[in-house]
Amino acid sequence: MAQLFSPRGNVYSQVIIFGTVVLVCGAVWATSTIYWSPYTTYVGVPFDQPVPFSHKHHVGDDGIDCRYCHASVEKSAFAGLPSTQTCMTCHSQIFTDAPVLAPVRQSLATNTPLKWNRVHDLPGFVYFNHSIHIAKGIGCSTCHGRIDQMPLTWRVNTLYMKWCLDCHRQPQKYVRPPDKIYDITWQPAQERPH
């Protein structure tokens, strides 16, 4: 029986198979890289806000406790955002004419809340309760990072399920003493070698 393909056909088929494998692997790598990149996770990317609020200034420099602005963190599923009145407690006396605070003054004058953009926005199918995590000893900086060093707020974690499960599988690494819940500088004890 006569040969259907020339001997070069073997080379062509090997090149096609090898090329297909390389293309599939490249596509998987590219998809994975994009999936975990700041482009999709927003890790390290500051969010635009109606007022360029600096946690670095308010928490880091002035030492304002998280609960002053996020008053419902201990008793509610949501930490809550401060009302305009909370901002104006101080800013009715200091930086009263600062242009950067014009949206805050307008919000107070019109009795319309500021529309903040959520930085830590979870998918709709995820139920997260701040008060339970706080009550169990998980501090703010565990999820939100060193907020006291952020001139503008960004995510420090992906908020993907894998990230949540890392903590839930080994909570002893992250649980703090009750007096350290709001201590932004608290670090978990390092594991000691055996």
N, C-alpha and C. Protein backbone atom coordinates (compact mmCIF):
# COMPACT_ATOMS: atom_id res chain seq x y z
N MET A 1 0.84 -1.17 0.00
CA MET A 1 0.00 0.00 0.00
C MET A 1 0.88 1.24 0.00
N ALA A 2 0.49 2.18 -0.79
CA ALA A 2 1.29 3.40 -0.94
C ALA A 2 1.11 4.29 0.30
N GLN A 3 2.15 4.98 0.63
CA GLN A 3 2.13 5.88 1.79
C GLN A 3 1.27 7.10 1.47
N LEU A 4 0.35 7.46 2.41
CA LEU A 4 -0.56 8.59 2.19
C LEU A 4 0.14 9.94 2.37
N PHE A 5 1.01 10.00 3.36
CA PHE A 5 1.69 11.27 3.66
C PHE A 5 3.18 11.10 3.47
N SER A 6 3.80 12.17 3.11
CA SER A 6 5.25 12.13 2.96
C SER A 6 5.89 12.08 4.35
N PRO A 7 7.13 11.69 4.44
CA PRO A 7 7.81 11.65 5.74
C PRO A 7 7.80 13.01 6.46
N ARG A 8 7.68 14.08 5.70
CA ARG A 8 7.60 15.41 6.34
C ARG A 8 6.32 15.56 7.15
N GLY A 9 5.30 14.77 6.85
CA GLY A 9 4.03 14.84 7.57
C GLY A 9 4.20 14.58 9.06
N ASN A 10 5.14 13.71 9.42
CA ASN A 10 5.41 13.45 10.84
C ASN A 10 5.94 14.70 11.53
N VAL A 11 6.82 15.40 10.86
CA VAL A 11 7.38 16.63 11.42
C VAL A 11 6.28 17.67 11.59
N TYR A 12 5.44 17.82 10.56
CA TYR A 12 4.34 18.79 10.65
C TYR A 12 3.40 18.46 11.81
N SER A 13 3.05 17.20 11.94
CA SER A 13 2.12 16.84 13.02
C SER A 13 2.75 17.07 14.39
N GLN A 14 4.04 16.80 14.53
CA GLN A 14 4.72 17.04 15.81
C GLN A 14 4.76 18.54 16.13
N VAL A 15 5.03 19.35 15.11
CA VAL A 15 5.06 20.81 15.31
C VAL A 15 3.67 21.31 15.70
N ILE A 16 2.64 20.80 15.04
CA ILE A 16 1.27 21.22 15.36
C ILE A 16 0.89 20.81 16.79
N ILE A 17 1.21 19.59 17.17
CA ILE A 17 0.89 19.12 18.53
C ILE A 17 1.66 19.94 19.56
N PHE A 18 2.96 20.12 19.34
CA PHE A 18 3.78 20.89 20.27
C PHE A 18 3.28 22.34 20.35
N GLY A 19 2.98 22.93 19.20
CA GLY A 19 2.48 24.30 19.16
C GLY A 19 1.15 24.44 19.90
N THR A 20 0.27 23.46 19.75
CA THR A 20 -1.02 23.49 20.45
C THR A 20 -0.81 23.43 21.96
N VAL A 21 0.08 22.55 22.41
CA VAL A 21 0.37 22.45 23.85
C VAL A 21 0.93 23.77 24.37
N VAL A 22 1.86 24.37 23.64
CA VAL A 22 2.44 25.65 24.05
C VAL A 22 1.36 26.74 24.11
N LEU A 23 0.49 26.79 23.11
CA LEU A 23 -0.58 27.79 23.10
C LEU A 23 -1.55 27.60 24.27
N VAL A 24 -1.93 26.36 24.54
CA VAL A 24 -2.86 26.09 25.66
C VAL A 24 -2.20 26.47 26.98
N CYS A 25 -0.95 26.07 27.17
CA CYS A 25 -0.24 26.43 28.42
C CYS A 25 -0.09 27.94 28.54
N GLY A 26 0.21 28.61 27.45
CA GLY A 26 0.33 30.07 27.47
C GLY A 26 -0.99 30.74 27.81
N ALA A 27 -2.09 30.21 27.26
CA ALA A 27 -3.41 30.77 27.56
C ALA A 27 -3.77 30.58 29.03
N VAL A 28 -3.46 29.40 29.58
CA VAL A 28 -3.72 29.14 31.01
C VAL A 28 -2.88 30.08 31.86
N TRP A 29 -1.61 30.24 31.53
CA TRP A 29 -0.73 31.13 32.29
C TRP A 29 -1.24 32.58 32.22
N ALA A 30 -1.60 33.04 31.02
CA ALA A 30 -2.08 34.42 30.86
C ALA A 30 -3.37 34.65 31.64
N THR A 31 -4.29 33.70 31.57
CA THR A 31 -5.55 33.83 32.30
C THR A 31 -5.30 33.87 33.80
N SER A 32 -4.43 32.99 34.29
CA SER A 32 -4.10 32.96 35.72
C SER A 32 -3.43 34.26 36.15
N THR A 33 -2.52 34.76 35.34
CA THR A 33 -1.82 36.01 35.67
C THR A 33 -2.80 37.17 35.76
N ILE A 34 -3.71 37.25 34.81
CA ILE A 34 -4.71 38.33 34.84
C ILE A 34 -5.63 38.18 36.03
N TYR A 35 -6.05 36.94 36.32
CA TYR A 35 -6.98 36.68 37.43
C TYR A 35 -6.41 37.14 38.77
N TRP A 36 -5.12 36.93 38.99
CA TRP A 36 -4.49 37.28 40.27
C TRP A 36 -3.84 38.67 40.26
N SER A 37 -3.93 39.39 39.16
CA SER A 37 -3.27 40.69 39.06
C SER A 37 -4.09 41.79 39.73
N PRO A 38 -3.45 42.90 40.07
CA PRO A 38 -4.19 44.04 40.63
C PRO A 38 -5.28 44.56 39.69
N TYR A 39 -5.17 44.24 38.40
CA TYR A 39 -6.18 44.67 37.44
C TYR A 39 -7.55 44.10 37.80
N THR A 40 -7.58 42.88 38.32
CA THR A 40 -8.86 42.26 38.69
C THR A 40 -9.09 42.19 40.19
N THR A 41 -8.02 42.13 40.99
CA THR A 41 -8.19 42.02 42.45
C THR A 41 -8.24 43.39 43.12
N TYR A 42 -7.74 44.41 42.45
CA TYR A 42 -7.65 45.78 42.98
C TYR A 42 -6.73 45.88 44.21
N VAL A 43 -5.88 44.89 44.43
CA VAL A 43 -4.94 44.95 45.54
C VAL A 43 -3.92 46.04 45.25
N GLY A 44 -3.77 46.96 46.20
CA GLY A 44 -2.81 48.05 46.06
C GLY A 44 -3.28 49.20 45.18
N VAL A 45 -4.53 49.17 44.76
CA VAL A 45 -5.06 50.22 43.88
C VAL A 45 -6.00 51.12 44.68
N PRO A 46 -5.64 52.38 44.90
CA PRO A 46 -6.54 53.28 45.64
C PRO A 46 -7.83 53.53 44.86
N PHE A 47 -8.93 53.62 45.58
CA PHE A 47 -10.23 53.87 44.96
C PHE A 47 -10.52 55.37 44.98
N ASP A 48 -11.12 55.85 43.91
CA ASP A 48 -11.56 57.25 43.88
C ASP A 48 -12.70 57.41 44.88
N GLN A 49 -12.66 58.49 45.63
CA GLN A 49 -13.69 58.77 46.63
C GLN A 49 -14.15 60.21 46.48
N PRO A 50 -15.33 60.54 47.01
CA PRO A 50 -15.80 61.93 46.90
C PRO A 50 -14.90 62.91 47.65
N VAL A 51 -14.22 62.41 48.67
CA VAL A 51 -13.25 63.20 49.43
C VAL A 51 -12.00 62.32 49.56
N PRO A 52 -10.82 62.83 49.24
CA PRO A 52 -9.61 62.01 49.35
C PRO A 52 -9.23 61.80 50.82
N PHE A 53 -9.99 60.94 51.48
CA PHE A 53 -9.81 60.70 52.91
C PHE A 53 -8.52 59.95 53.18
N SER A 54 -7.73 60.45 54.12
CA SER A 54 -6.45 59.83 54.46
C SER A 54 -6.53 59.14 55.82
N HIS A 55 -6.54 57.81 55.80
CA HIS A 55 -6.45 57.08 57.06
C HIS A 55 -5.08 57.30 57.69
N LYS A 56 -4.06 57.51 56.87
CA LYS A 56 -2.71 57.77 57.39
C LYS A 56 -2.75 59.00 58.30
N HIS A 57 -3.42 60.04 57.86
CA HIS A 57 -3.51 61.26 58.66
C HIS A 57 -4.38 61.05 59.90
N HIS A 58 -5.59 60.54 59.69
CA HIS A 58 -6.55 60.45 60.79
C HIS A 58 -6.20 59.36 61.81
N VAL A 59 -5.77 58.19 61.33
CA VAL A 59 -5.45 57.08 62.23
C VAL A 59 -3.98 57.12 62.62
N GLY A 60 -3.10 57.20 61.62
CA GLY A 60 -1.67 57.16 61.88
C GLY A 60 -1.14 58.37 62.61
N ASP A 61 -1.46 59.56 62.09
CA ASP A 61 -0.92 60.79 62.69
C ASP A 61 -1.72 61.25 63.91
N ASP A 62 -3.07 61.24 63.78
CA ASP A 62 -3.91 61.77 64.86
C ASP A 62 -4.35 60.71 65.87
N GLY A 63 -4.16 59.44 65.56
CA GLY A 63 -4.48 58.37 66.50
C GLY A 63 -5.97 58.13 66.74
N ILE A 64 -6.80 58.47 65.77
CA ILE A 64 -8.24 58.25 65.94
C ILE A 64 -8.53 56.75 65.84
N ASP A 65 -9.26 56.24 66.80
CA ASP A 65 -9.62 54.82 66.86
C ASP A 65 -10.60 54.47 65.74
N CYS A 66 -10.49 53.27 65.20
CA CYS A 66 -11.37 52.80 64.11
C CYS A 66 -12.84 52.99 64.46
N ARG A 67 -13.19 52.73 65.72
CA ARG A 67 -14.60 52.76 66.14
C ARG A 67 -15.20 54.15 66.16
N TYR A 68 -14.37 55.18 66.13
CA TYR A 68 -14.93 56.53 66.13
C TYR A 68 -15.72 56.78 64.85
N CYS A 69 -15.17 56.35 63.74
CA CYS A 69 -15.86 56.53 62.45
C CYS A 69 -16.70 55.32 62.07
N HIS A 70 -16.20 54.14 62.37
CA HIS A 70 -16.91 52.90 62.04
C HIS A 70 -17.59 52.39 63.31
N ALA A 71 -18.56 53.14 63.75
CA ALA A 71 -19.17 52.94 65.07
C ALA A 71 -19.93 51.63 65.22
N SER A 72 -20.40 51.04 64.16
CA SER A 72 -21.22 49.84 64.29
C SER A 72 -20.43 48.54 64.15
N VAL A 73 -19.11 48.63 64.09
CA VAL A 73 -18.28 47.45 63.82
C VAL A 73 -18.44 46.36 64.88
N GLU A 74 -18.73 46.73 66.13
CA GLU A 74 -18.84 45.73 67.19
C GLU A 74 -20.23 45.13 67.32
N LYS A 75 -21.22 45.75 66.70
CA LYS A 75 -22.59 45.28 66.92
C LYS A 75 -23.37 45.00 65.64
N SER A 76 -22.73 45.13 64.50
CA SER A 76 -23.44 44.98 63.23
C SER A 76 -22.62 44.17 62.24
N ALA A 77 -23.31 43.62 61.25
CA ALA A 77 -22.62 42.90 60.18
C ALA A 77 -21.71 43.83 59.40
N PHE A 78 -22.10 45.09 59.31
CA PHE A 78 -21.32 46.08 58.56
C PHE A 78 -20.61 47.02 59.52
N ALA A 79 -19.38 47.37 59.19
CA ALA A 79 -18.64 48.31 60.03
C ALA A 79 -19.25 49.69 59.96
N GLY A 80 -19.91 49.98 58.86
CA GLY A 80 -20.55 51.28 58.69
C GLY A 80 -19.58 52.35 58.25
N LEU A 81 -20.11 53.32 57.58
CA LEU A 81 -19.33 54.49 57.18
C LEU A 81 -19.78 55.66 58.03
N PRO A 82 -18.88 56.57 58.33
CA PRO A 82 -19.26 57.68 59.20
C PRO A 82 -20.26 58.61 58.53
N SER A 83 -21.13 59.15 59.34
CA SER A 83 -22.05 60.16 58.83
C SER A 83 -21.28 61.46 58.65
N THR A 84 -21.86 62.36 57.91
CA THR A 84 -21.23 63.67 57.71
C THR A 84 -21.07 64.38 59.05
N GLN A 85 -22.03 64.17 59.95
CA GLN A 85 -21.94 64.79 61.27
C GLN A 85 -20.70 64.32 62.03
N THR A 86 -20.31 63.06 61.83
CA THR A 86 -19.10 62.55 62.48
C THR A 86 -17.88 63.32 61.98
N CYS A 87 -17.81 63.51 60.67
CA CYS A 87 -16.69 64.27 60.09
C CYS A 87 -16.67 65.71 60.63
N MET A 88 -17.86 66.29 60.69
CA MET A 88 -17.97 67.70 61.09
C MET A 88 -17.77 67.92 62.58
N THR A 89 -17.74 66.84 63.37
CA THR A 89 -17.43 67.00 64.78
C THR A 89 -16.10 67.72 64.94
N CYS A 90 -15.13 67.33 64.14
CA CYS A 90 -13.83 68.00 64.17
C CYS A 90 -13.75 69.12 63.14
N HIS A 91 -14.25 68.85 61.94
CA HIS A 91 -14.04 69.79 60.84
C HIS A 91 -14.96 71.00 60.87
N SER A 92 -15.78 71.12 61.88
CA SER A 92 -16.50 72.38 62.09
C SER A 92 -15.58 73.36 62.83
N GLN A 93 -14.45 72.82 63.34
CA GLN A 93 -13.51 73.64 64.10
C GLN A 93 -12.13 73.74 63.46
N ILE A 94 -11.73 72.71 62.74
CA ILE A 94 -10.41 72.73 62.09
C ILE A 94 -10.57 72.48 60.59
N PHE A 95 -9.73 73.11 59.81
CA PHE A 95 -9.78 73.03 58.34
C PHE A 95 -11.18 73.37 57.83
N THR A 96 -11.80 74.35 58.45
CA THR A 96 -13.20 74.68 58.13
C THR A 96 -13.38 75.19 56.70
N ASP A 97 -12.36 75.81 56.13
CA ASP A 97 -12.48 76.34 54.77
C ASP A 97 -11.64 75.57 53.75
N ALA A 98 -11.13 74.42 54.14
CA ALA A 98 -10.28 73.65 53.22
C ALA A 98 -11.09 73.23 51.99
N PRO A 99 -10.59 73.54 50.79
CA PRO A 99 -11.33 73.18 49.56
C PRO A 99 -11.60 71.68 49.45
N VAL A 100 -10.67 70.86 49.96
CA VAL A 100 -10.84 69.42 49.86
C VAL A 100 -12.07 68.93 50.64
N LEU A 101 -12.51 69.71 51.62
CA LEU A 101 -13.67 69.32 52.43
C LEU A 101 -14.98 69.92 51.93
N ALA A 102 -14.96 70.56 50.78
CA ALA A 102 -16.19 71.16 50.23
C ALA A 102 -17.31 70.13 50.08
N PRO A 103 -17.04 68.89 49.59
CA PRO A 103 -18.13 67.91 49.50
C PRO A 103 -18.73 67.56 50.87
N VAL A 104 -17.91 67.58 51.91
CA VAL A 104 -18.41 67.28 53.26
C VAL A 104 -19.33 68.40 53.73
N ARG A 105 -18.90 69.64 53.51
CA ARG A 105 -19.74 70.78 53.92
C ARG A 105 -21.05 70.79 53.12
N GLN A 106 -20.97 70.48 51.83
CA GLN A 106 -22.18 70.44 51.01
C GLN A 106 -23.11 69.32 51.48
N SER A 107 -22.54 68.19 51.84
CA SER A 107 -23.33 67.06 52.35
C SER A 107 -24.07 67.46 53.61
N LEU A 108 -23.40 68.18 54.49
CA LEU A 108 -24.04 68.64 55.73
C LEU A 108 -25.14 69.65 55.42
N ALA A 109 -24.86 70.59 54.52
CA ALA A 109 -25.84 71.64 54.20
C ALA A 109 -27.09 71.08 53.54
N THR A 110 -26.93 70.04 52.72
CA THR A 110 -28.08 69.48 51.99
C THR A 110 -28.67 68.25 52.68
N ASN A 111 -28.04 67.84 53.78
CA ASN A 111 -28.47 66.65 54.51
C ASN A 111 -28.51 65.42 53.59
N THR A 112 -27.50 65.35 52.72
CA THR A 112 -27.37 64.23 51.78
C THR A 112 -26.06 63.51 52.10
N PRO A 113 -26.10 62.20 52.36
CA PRO A 113 -24.86 61.51 52.70
C PRO A 113 -23.88 61.47 51.53
N LEU A 114 -22.61 61.45 51.85
CA LEU A 114 -21.58 61.28 50.83
C LEU A 114 -21.71 59.87 50.25
N LYS A 115 -21.43 59.73 48.98
CA LYS A 115 -21.51 58.42 48.33
C LYS A 115 -20.09 57.87 48.17
N TRP A 116 -19.66 57.13 49.18
CA TRP A 116 -18.33 56.53 49.18
C TRP A 116 -18.33 55.30 48.27
N ASN A 117 -17.20 55.04 47.66
CA ASN A 117 -17.02 53.83 46.85
C ASN A 117 -16.43 52.74 47.75
N ARG A 118 -17.10 51.61 47.79
CA ARG A 118 -16.65 50.52 48.67
C ARG A 118 -15.31 49.96 48.19
N VAL A 119 -14.37 49.90 49.09
CA VAL A 119 -13.06 49.35 48.78
C VAL A 119 -13.09 47.83 48.96
N HIS A 120 -13.68 47.39 50.05
CA HIS A 120 -13.76 45.96 50.36
C HIS A 120 -15.17 45.48 50.06
N ASP A 121 -15.47 45.36 48.78
CA ASP A 121 -16.81 44.99 48.34
C ASP A 121 -16.82 43.51 47.98
N LEU A 122 -17.58 42.74 48.75
CA LEU A 122 -17.65 41.30 48.52
C LEU A 122 -18.78 40.96 47.57
N PRO A 123 -18.66 39.82 46.89
CA PRO A 123 -19.76 39.40 46.00
C PRO A 123 -21.06 39.21 46.80
N GLY A 124 -22.18 39.29 46.13
CA GLY A 124 -23.48 39.20 46.78
C GLY A 124 -23.74 37.88 47.48
N PHE A 125 -23.10 36.80 47.04
CA PHE A 125 -23.34 35.50 47.65
C PHE A 125 -22.52 35.29 48.93
N VAL A 126 -21.64 36.22 49.26
CA VAL A 126 -20.80 36.10 50.45
C VAL A 126 -21.45 36.83 51.61
N TYR A 127 -21.56 36.14 52.74
CA TYR A 127 -22.06 36.79 53.95
C TYR A 127 -20.88 36.97 54.89
N PHE A 128 -20.58 38.20 55.20
CA PHE A 128 -19.48 38.52 56.12
C PHE A 128 -20.05 39.40 57.21
N ASN A 129 -19.73 39.06 58.46
CA ASN A 129 -20.22 39.82 59.59
C ASN A 129 -19.04 40.38 60.39
N HIS A 130 -18.88 41.69 60.38
CA HIS A 130 -17.78 42.32 61.12
C HIS A 130 -17.86 42.01 62.61
N SER A 131 -19.04 42.13 63.20
CA SER A 131 -19.16 42.00 64.66
C SER A 131 -18.72 40.62 65.15
N ILE A 132 -19.02 39.58 64.40
CA ILE A 132 -18.62 38.24 64.81
C ILE A 132 -17.10 38.12 64.78
N HIS A 133 -16.48 38.62 63.73
CA HIS A 133 -15.03 38.54 63.62
C HIS A 133 -14.36 39.34 64.74
N ILE A 134 -14.87 40.52 65.03
CA ILE A 134 -14.32 41.33 66.12
C ILE A 134 -14.49 40.60 67.45
N ALA A 135 -15.68 40.05 67.69
CA ALA A 135 -15.96 39.35 68.95
C ALA A 135 -15.07 38.12 69.13
N LYS A 136 -14.66 37.50 68.04
CA LYS A 136 -13.81 36.30 68.11
C LYS A 136 -12.33 36.64 68.15
N GLY A 137 -11.97 37.92 68.08
CA GLY A 137 -10.58 38.31 68.23
C GLY A 137 -9.83 38.60 66.94
N ILE A 138 -10.54 38.83 65.86
CA ILE A 138 -9.89 39.18 64.60
C ILE A 138 -9.86 40.70 64.49
N GLY A 139 -8.68 41.27 64.42
CA GLY A 139 -8.53 42.72 64.40
C GLY A 139 -8.70 43.32 63.01
N CYS A 140 -8.87 44.61 62.97
CA CYS A 140 -9.10 45.34 61.72
C CYS A 140 -7.97 45.12 60.71
N SER A 141 -6.74 45.22 61.18
CA SER A 141 -5.61 45.16 60.24
C SER A 141 -5.39 43.77 59.65
N THR A 142 -6.01 42.74 60.23
CA THR A 142 -5.90 41.40 59.66
C THR A 142 -6.43 41.40 58.23
N CYS A 143 -7.54 42.06 58.01
CA CYS A 143 -8.15 42.10 56.68
C CYS A 143 -7.84 43.40 55.94
N HIS A 144 -7.80 44.50 56.67
CA HIS A 144 -7.66 45.81 56.02
C HIS A 144 -6.22 46.30 55.94
N GLY A 145 -5.29 45.59 56.57
CA GLY A 145 -3.89 45.97 56.50
C GLY A 145 -3.57 47.17 57.38
N ARG A 146 -2.39 47.71 57.18
CA ARG A 146 -1.92 48.86 57.96
C ARG A 146 -2.57 50.12 57.42
N ILE A 147 -3.83 50.28 57.74
CA ILE A 147 -4.63 51.42 57.27
C ILE A 147 -4.01 52.73 57.74
N ASP A 148 -3.29 52.68 58.85
CA ASP A 148 -2.64 53.88 59.39
C ASP A 148 -1.50 54.37 58.51
N GLN A 149 -1.12 53.60 57.51
CA GLN A 149 -0.04 53.99 56.59
C GLN A 149 -0.56 54.30 55.18
N MET A 150 -1.88 54.34 55.02
CA MET A 150 -2.47 54.56 53.70
C MET A 150 -2.98 55.98 53.53
N PRO A 151 -2.33 56.77 52.68
CA PRO A 151 -2.85 58.12 52.42
C PRO A 151 -4.21 58.05 51.72
N LEU A 152 -4.40 57.06 50.87
CA LEU A 152 -5.70 56.75 50.26
C LEU A 152 -5.92 55.26 50.49
N THR A 153 -7.16 54.85 50.59
CA THR A 153 -7.45 53.46 50.97
C THR A 153 -7.42 52.53 49.77
N TRP A 154 -6.78 51.36 49.98
CA TRP A 154 -6.74 50.32 48.97
C TRP A 154 -6.86 48.97 49.65
N ARG A 155 -7.11 47.95 48.86
CA ARG A 155 -7.15 46.58 49.38
C ARG A 155 -5.73 46.07 49.56
N VAL A 156 -5.53 45.31 50.62
CA VAL A 156 -4.24 44.65 50.81
C VAL A 156 -4.35 43.15 50.56
N ASN A 157 -5.58 42.66 50.40
CA ASN A 157 -5.82 41.25 50.14
C ASN A 157 -6.81 41.10 48.99
N THR A 158 -6.80 39.93 48.36
CA THR A 158 -7.66 39.70 47.20
C THR A 158 -9.13 39.59 47.55
N LEU A 159 -9.45 39.18 48.75
CA LEU A 159 -10.82 38.88 49.19
C LEU A 159 -11.38 37.66 48.46
N TYR A 160 -10.52 36.88 47.84
CA TYR A 160 -10.96 35.63 47.22
C TYR A 160 -11.21 34.60 48.32
N MET A 161 -12.02 33.61 48.02
CA MET A 161 -12.37 32.58 49.01
C MET A 161 -11.12 31.91 49.58
N LYS A 162 -10.12 31.66 48.76
CA LYS A 162 -8.89 31.03 49.23
C LYS A 162 -8.27 31.84 50.37
N TRP A 163 -8.29 33.15 50.21
CA TRP A 163 -7.71 34.01 51.24
C TRP A 163 -8.49 33.89 52.55
N CYS A 164 -9.82 33.89 52.46
CA CYS A 164 -10.65 33.74 53.66
C CYS A 164 -10.39 32.39 54.33
N LEU A 165 -10.33 31.34 53.52
CA LEU A 165 -10.14 30.00 54.07
C LEU A 165 -8.79 29.83 54.75
N ASP A 166 -7.77 30.53 54.28
CA ASP A 166 -6.46 30.46 54.94
C ASP A 166 -6.59 30.82 56.42
N CYS A 167 -7.38 31.83 56.71
CA CYS A 167 -7.59 32.26 58.09
C CYS A 167 -8.51 31.29 58.83
N HIS A 168 -9.57 30.86 58.20
CA HIS A 168 -10.52 29.96 58.86
C HIS A 168 -9.92 28.59 59.14
N ARG A 169 -8.95 28.18 58.37
CA ARG A 169 -8.32 26.88 58.59
C ARG A 169 -7.28 26.93 59.71
N GLN A 170 -6.70 28.10 59.94
CA GLN A 170 -5.70 28.26 61.01
C GLN A 170 -5.97 29.55 61.78
N PRO A 171 -7.12 29.64 62.44
CA PRO A 171 -7.47 30.90 63.10
C PRO A 171 -6.51 31.28 64.23
N GLN A 172 -5.86 30.30 64.84
CA GLN A 172 -4.96 30.61 65.95
C GLN A 172 -3.85 31.57 65.54
N LYS A 173 -3.52 31.63 64.26
CA LYS A 173 -2.49 32.56 63.79
C LYS A 173 -2.98 34.01 63.83
N TYR A 174 -4.29 34.20 63.79
CA TYR A 174 -4.84 35.55 63.60
C TYR A 174 -5.63 36.08 64.79
N VAL A 175 -6.03 35.21 65.71
CA VAL A 175 -6.82 35.65 66.86
C VAL A 175 -5.92 36.44 67.80
N ARG A 176 -6.43 37.58 68.25
CA ARG A 176 -5.67 38.48 69.11
C ARG A 176 -6.25 38.49 70.52
N PRO A 177 -5.48 38.96 71.47
CA PRO A 177 -6.05 39.22 72.80
C PRO A 177 -7.08 40.36 72.68
N PRO A 178 -8.11 40.35 73.51
CA PRO A 178 -9.17 41.37 73.41
C PRO A 178 -8.67 42.81 73.42
N ASP A 179 -7.60 43.09 74.16
CA ASP A 179 -7.10 44.46 74.23
C ASP A 179 -6.27 44.86 73.00
N LYS A 180 -6.08 43.94 72.07
CA LYS A 180 -5.28 44.22 70.87
C LYS A 180 -6.11 44.23 69.58
N ILE A 181 -7.44 44.08 69.70
CA ILE A 181 -8.31 44.01 68.51
C ILE A 181 -8.10 45.24 67.62
N TYR A 182 -8.01 46.41 68.21
CA TYR A 182 -7.92 47.65 67.43
C TYR A 182 -6.49 48.18 67.35
N ASP A 183 -5.53 47.37 67.77
CA ASP A 183 -4.12 47.74 67.67
C ASP A 183 -3.63 47.41 66.26
N ILE A 184 -3.49 48.44 65.46
CA ILE A 184 -3.13 48.27 64.04
C ILE A 184 -1.74 47.66 63.89
N THR A 185 -0.86 47.86 64.86
CA THR A 185 0.52 47.39 64.74
C THR A 185 0.69 45.95 65.22
N TRP A 186 -0.36 45.33 65.76
CA TRP A 186 -0.25 43.97 66.29
C TRP A 186 0.14 42.99 65.19
N GLN A 187 1.06 42.11 65.51
CA GLN A 187 1.49 41.07 64.58
C GLN A 187 1.32 39.72 65.26
N PRO A 188 0.92 38.68 64.52
CA PRO A 188 0.81 37.36 65.13
C PRO A 188 2.19 36.86 65.55
N ALA A 189 2.21 36.07 66.61
CA ALA A 189 3.48 35.51 67.08
C ALA A 189 4.04 34.59 66.01
N GLN A 190 5.34 34.67 65.81
CA GLN A 190 5.98 33.81 64.81
C GLN A 190 6.07 32.39 65.36
N GLU A 191 5.88 31.43 64.47
CA GLU A 191 6.00 30.04 64.90
C GLU A 191 7.46 29.75 65.23
N ARG A 192 7.65 29.04 66.33
CA ARG A 192 9.01 28.72 66.75
C ARG A 192 9.42 27.37 66.16
N PRO A 193 10.68 27.23 65.75
CA PRO A 193 11.13 25.93 65.24
C PRO A 193 11.12 24.90 66.36
N HIS A 194 10.88 23.67 65.99
CA HIS A 194 10.81 22.58 66.99
C HIS A 194 12.18 22.19 67.45
